[in-house]
């Protein structure tokens, strides 16, 4: 029941935002990755995939 309510709310929000004439805004996403130590190779792979 709760998942359905969340899905309906998200759908209504998407419909309202597209029909209200709102202008698109740039969205920036930040990611914390370890570029040194054991996780460095993984971080480089994730960084390259995000660039695609």
PDB file of N, CA and C in Angstrom:
ATOM      1  N   UNK A   1       0.819  -1.183   0.000  1.00  0.00           N
ATOM      2  CA  UNK A   1       0.000   0.000   0.000  1.00  0.00           C
ATOM      3  C   UNK A   1       0.868   1.255   0.000  1.00  0.00           C
ATOM      4  N   UNK A   2       1.921   1.242   0.831  1.00  0.00           N
ATOM      5  CA  UNK A   2       2.789   2.418   0.933  1.00  0.00           C
ATOM      6  C   UNK A   2       3.557   2.627  -0.371  1.00  0.00           C
ATOM      7  N   UNK A   3       4.017   1.542  -1.000  1.00  0.00           N
ATOM      8  CA  UNK A   3       4.742   1.656  -2.269  1.00  0.00           C
ATOM      9  C   UNK A   3       3.837   2.242  -3.344  1.00  0.00           C
ATOM     10  N   UNK A   4       2.586   1.845  -3.339  1.00  0.00           N
ATOM     11  CA  UNK A   4       1.634   2.348  -4.323  1.00  0.00           C
ATOM     12  C   UNK A   4       1.409   3.849  -4.124  1.00  0.00           C
ATOM     13  N   UNK A   5       1.305   4.286  -2.860  1.00  0.00           N
ATOM     14  CA  UNK A   5       1.108   5.712  -2.576  1.00  0.00           C
ATOM     15  C   UNK A   5       2.310   6.526  -3.030  1.00  0.00           C
ATOM     16  N   UNK A   6       3.502   5.996  -2.806  1.00  0.00           N
ATOM     17  CA  UNK A   6       4.716   6.691  -3.234  1.00  0.00           C
ATOM     18  C   UNK A   6       4.766   6.773  -4.756  1.00  0.00           C
ATOM     19  N   UNK A   7       4.402   5.696  -5.431  1.00  0.00           N
ATOM     20  CA  UNK A   7       4.406   5.686  -6.895  1.00  0.00           C
ATOM     21  C   UNK A   7       3.396   6.682  -7.454  1.00  0.00           C
ATOM     22  N   UNK A   8       2.219   6.743  -6.862  1.00  0.00           N
ATOM     23  CA  UNK A   8       1.193   7.685  -7.323  1.00  0.00           C
ATOM     24  C   UNK A   8       1.650   9.120  -7.082  1.00  0.00           C
ATOM     25  N   UNK A   9       2.246   9.386  -5.936  1.00  0.00           N
ATOM     26  CA  UNK A   9       2.739  10.727  -5.631  1.00  0.00           C
ATOM     27  C   UNK A   9       3.829  11.134  -6.617  1.00  0.00           C
ATOM     28  N   UNK A  10       4.741  10.224  -6.918  1.00  0.00           N
ATOM     29  CA  UNK A  10       5.813  10.524  -7.874  1.00  0.00           C
ATOM     30  C   UNK A  10       5.244  10.782  -9.261  1.00  0.00           C
ATOM     31  N   UNK A  11       4.256   9.998  -9.671  1.00  0.00           N
ATOM     32  CA  UNK A  11       3.648  10.182 -10.987  1.00  0.00           C
ATOM     33  C   UNK A  11       2.935  11.524 -11.066  1.00  0.00           C
ATOM     34  N   UNK A  12       2.191  11.875 -10.034  1.00  0.00           N
ATOM     35  CA  UNK A  12       1.494  13.158 -10.031  1.00  0.00           C
ATOM     36  C   UNK A  12       2.472  14.325 -10.028  1.00  0.00           C
ATOM     37  N   UNK A  13       3.546  14.196  -9.304  1.00  0.00           N
ATOM     38  CA  UNK A  13       4.556  15.247  -9.281  1.00  0.00           C
ATOM     39  C   UNK A  13       5.169  15.430 -10.660  1.00  0.00           C
ATOM     40  N   UNK A  14       5.444  14.324 -11.340  1.00  0.00           N
ATOM     41  CA  UNK A  14       6.012  14.403 -12.688  1.00  0.00           C
ATOM     42  C   UNK A  14       5.036  15.055 -13.658  1.00  0.00           C
ATOM     43  N   UNK A  15       3.773  14.726 -13.549  1.00  0.00           N
ATOM     44  CA  UNK A  15       2.766  15.301 -14.442  1.00  0.00           C
ATOM     45  C   UNK A  15       2.624  16.795 -14.187  1.00  0.00           C
ATOM     46  N   UNK A  16       2.560  17.188 -12.928  1.00  0.00           N
ATOM     47  CA  UNK A  16       2.394  18.600 -12.592  1.00  0.00           C
ATOM     48  C   UNK A  16       3.611  19.406 -13.029  1.00  0.00           C
ATOM     49  N   UNK A  17       4.799  18.861 -12.844  1.00  0.00           N
ATOM     50  CA  UNK A  17       6.007  19.609 -13.196  1.00  0.00           C
ATOM     51  C   UNK A  17       6.144  19.776 -14.704  1.00  0.00           C
ATOM     52  N   UNK A  18       5.648  18.823 -15.496  1.00  0.00           N
ATOM     53  CA  UNK A  18       5.762  18.950 -16.941  1.00  0.00           C
ATOM     54  C   UNK A  18       4.673  19.830 -17.526  1.00  0.00           C
ATOM     55  N   UNK A  19       3.528  19.905 -16.888  1.00  0.00           N
ATOM     56  CA  UNK A  19       2.432  20.688 -17.434  1.00  0.00           C
ATOM     57  C   UNK A  19       2.395  22.116 -16.898  1.00  0.00           C
ATOM     58  N   UNK A  20       3.166  22.420 -15.877  1.00  0.00           N
ATOM     59  CA  UNK A  20       3.117  23.761 -15.299  1.00  0.00           C
ATOM     60  C   UNK A  20       4.003  24.743 -16.048  1.00  0.00           C
ATOM     61  N   UNK A  21       4.717  24.284 -17.058  1.00  0.00           N
ATOM     62  CA  UNK A  21       5.576  25.168 -17.825  1.00  0.00           C
ATOM     63  C   UNK A  21       6.866  25.505 -17.109  1.00  0.00           C
ATOM     64  N   UNK A  22       7.255  24.701 -16.179  1.00  0.00           N
ATOM     65  CA  UNK A  22       8.490  24.941 -15.445  1.00  0.00           C
ATOM     66  C   UNK A  22       9.686  24.768 -16.377  1.00  0.00           C
ATOM     67  N   UNK A  23      10.676  25.593 -16.182  1.00  0.00           N
ATOM     68  CA  UNK A  23      11.873  25.520 -17.001  1.00  0.00           C
ATOM     69  C   UNK A  23      12.824  24.480 -16.413  1.00  0.00           C
ATOM     70  N   UNK A  24      13.522  23.798 -17.291  1.00  0.00           N
ATOM     71  CA  UNK A  24      14.464  22.778 -16.843  1.00  0.00           C
ATOM     72  C   UNK A  24      15.645  23.455 -16.153  1.00  0.00           C
ATOM     73  N   UNK A  25      16.096  22.842 -15.083  1.00  0.00           N
ATOM     74  CA  UNK A  25      17.247  23.349 -14.364  1.00  0.00           C
ATOM     75  C   UNK A  25      18.336  22.290 -14.384  1.00  0.00           C
ATOM     76  N   UNK A  26      19.557  22.751 -14.329  1.00  0.00           N
ATOM     77  CA  UNK A  26      20.684  21.829 -14.306  1.00  0.00           C
ATOM     78  C   UNK A  26      20.781  21.189 -12.928  1.00  0.00           C
ATOM     79  N   UNK A  27      20.954  19.884 -12.909  1.00  0.00           N
ATOM     80  CA  UNK A  27      21.070  19.149 -11.655  1.00  0.00           C
ATOM     81  C   UNK A  27      22.474  18.574 -11.578  1.00  0.00           C
ATOM     82  N   UNK A  28      23.148  18.838 -10.495  1.00  0.00           N
ATOM     83  CA  UNK A  28      24.501  18.317 -10.302  1.00  0.00           C
ATOM     84  C   UNK A  28      24.446  17.200  -9.261  1.00  0.00           C
ATOM     85  N   UNK A  29      25.173  16.138  -9.543  1.00  0.00           N
ATOM     86  CA  UNK A  29      25.205  14.978  -8.654  1.00  0.00           C
ATOM     87  C   UNK A  29      26.629  14.803  -8.159  1.00  0.00           C
ATOM     88  N   UNK A  30      26.791  14.712  -6.856  1.00  0.00           N
ATOM     89  CA  UNK A  30      28.109  14.514  -6.272  1.00  0.00           C
ATOM     90  C   UNK A  30      28.277  13.086  -5.773  1.00  0.00           C
ATOM     91  N   UNK A  31      29.477  12.556  -5.946  1.00  0.00           N
ATOM     92  CA  UNK A  31      29.762  11.183  -5.525  1.00  0.00           C
ATOM     93  C   UNK A  31      31.088  11.188  -4.773  1.00  0.00           C
ATOM     94  N   UNK A  32      31.100  10.573  -3.611  1.00  0.00           N
ATOM     95  CA  UNK A  32      32.335  10.421  -2.852  1.00  0.00           C
ATOM     96  C   UNK A  32      32.946   9.069  -3.162  1.00  0.00           C
ATOM     97  N   UNK A  33      34.133   9.085  -3.761  1.00  0.00           N
ATOM     98  CA  UNK A  33      34.813   7.845  -4.107  1.00  0.00           C
ATOM     99  C   UNK A  33      36.241   7.877  -3.578  1.00  0.00           C
ATOM    100  N   UNK A  34      36.756   6.713  -3.161  1.00  0.00           N
ATOM    101  CA  UNK A  34      38.144   6.652  -2.678  1.00  0.00           C
ATOM    102  C   UNK A  34      39.114   6.527  -3.856  1.00  0.00           C
ATOM    103  N   UNK A  35      39.902   7.552  -4.113  1.00  0.00           N
ATOM    104  CA  UNK A  35      40.848   7.515  -5.224  1.00  0.00           C
ATOM    105  C   UNK A  35      42.237   7.055  -4.785  1.00  0.00           C
ATOM    106  N   UNK A  36      42.376   6.637  -3.538  1.00  0.00           N
ATOM    107  CA  UNK A  36      43.631   6.076  -3.059  1.00  0.00           C
ATOM    108  C   UNK A  36      43.314   4.799  -2.279  1.00  0.00           C
ATOM    109  N   UNK A  37      44.295   3.959  -2.130  1.00  0.00           N
ATOM    110  CA  UNK A  37      44.118   2.741  -1.349  1.00  0.00           C
ATOM    111  C   UNK A  37      43.432   1.629  -2.124  1.00  0.00           C
ATOM    112  N   UNK A  38      42.729   0.778  -1.380  1.00  0.00           N
ATOM    113  CA  UNK A  38      42.119  -0.411  -1.959  1.00  0.00           C
ATOM    114  C   UNK A  38      41.021  -0.059  -2.962  1.00  0.00           C
ATOM    115  N   UNK A  39      40.260   0.983  -2.715  1.00  0.00           N
ATOM    116  CA  UNK A  39      39.129   1.323  -3.566  1.00  0.00           C
ATOM    117  C   UNK A  39      39.465   2.182  -4.771  1.00  0.00           C
ATOM    118  N   UNK A  40      40.737   2.460  -5.023  1.00  0.00           N
ATOM    119  CA  UNK A  40      41.120   3.376  -6.097  1.00  0.00           C
ATOM    120  C   UNK A  40      40.730   2.850  -7.472  1.00  0.00           C
ATOM    121  N   UNK A  41      40.938   1.575  -7.724  1.00  0.00           N
ATOM    122  CA  UNK A  41      40.601   1.016  -9.032  1.00  0.00           C
ATOM    123  C   UNK A  41      39.095   1.059  -9.271  1.00  0.00           C
ATOM    124  N   UNK A  42      38.343   0.713  -8.258  1.00  0.00           N
ATOM    125  CA  UNK A  42      36.885   0.779  -8.358  1.00  0.00           C
ATOM    126  C   UNK A  42      36.418   2.211  -8.610  1.00  0.00           C
ATOM    127  N   UNK A  43      37.003   3.175  -7.914  1.00  0.00           N
ATOM    128  CA  UNK A  43      36.621   4.574  -8.074  1.00  0.00           C
ATOM    129  C   UNK A  43      36.904   5.063  -9.487  1.00  0.00           C
ATOM    130  N   UNK A  44      38.008   4.636 -10.062  1.00  0.00           N
ATOM    131  CA  UNK A  44      38.332   5.028 -11.428  1.00  0.00           C
ATOM    132  C   UNK A  44      37.320   4.452 -12.414  1.00  0.00           C
ATOM    133  N   UNK A  45      36.913   3.207 -12.197  1.00  0.00           N
ATOM    134  CA  UNK A  45      35.914   2.595 -13.076  1.00  0.00           C
ATOM    135  C   UNK A  45      34.574   3.314 -12.982  1.00  0.00           C
ATOM    136  N   UNK A  46      34.156   3.643 -11.775  1.00  0.00           N
ATOM    137  CA  UNK A  46      32.891   4.350 -11.583  1.00  0.00           C
ATOM    138  C   UNK A  46      32.970   5.730 -12.228  1.00  0.00           C
ATOM    139  N   UNK A  47      34.089   6.399 -12.043  1.00  0.00           N
ATOM    140  CA  UNK A  47      34.269   7.731 -12.621  1.00  0.00           C
ATOM    141  C   UNK A  47      34.181   7.695 -14.146  1.00  0.00           C
ATOM    142  N   UNK A  48      34.779   6.696 -14.749  1.00  0.00           N
ATOM    143  CA  UNK A  48      34.735   6.571 -16.214  1.00  0.00           C
ATOM    144  C   UNK A  48      33.322   6.277 -16.687  1.00  0.00           C
ATOM    145  N   UNK A  49      32.591   5.450 -15.961  1.00  0.00           N
ATOM    146  CA  UNK A  49      31.214   5.120 -16.348  1.00  0.00           C
ATOM    147  C   UNK A  49      30.308   6.338 -16.229  1.00  0.00           C
ATOM    148  N   UNK A  50      30.539   7.163 -15.227  1.00  0.00           N
ATOM    149  CA  UNK A  50      29.723   8.368 -15.056  1.00  0.00           C
ATOM    150  C   UNK A  50      29.963   9.356 -16.195  1.00  0.00           C
ATOM    151  N   UNK A  51      31.195   9.373 -16.711  1.00  0.00           N
ATOM    152  CA  UNK A  51      31.521  10.272 -17.824  1.00  0.00           C
ATOM    153  C   UNK A  51      30.773   9.876 -19.091  1.00  0.00           C
ATOM    154  N   UNK A  52      30.478   8.585 -19.231  1.00  0.00           N
ATOM    155  CA  UNK A  52      29.747   8.138 -20.430  1.00  0.00           C
ATOM    156  C   UNK A  52      28.368   8.701 -20.417  1.00  0.00           C
TER     157      UNK A  52
END
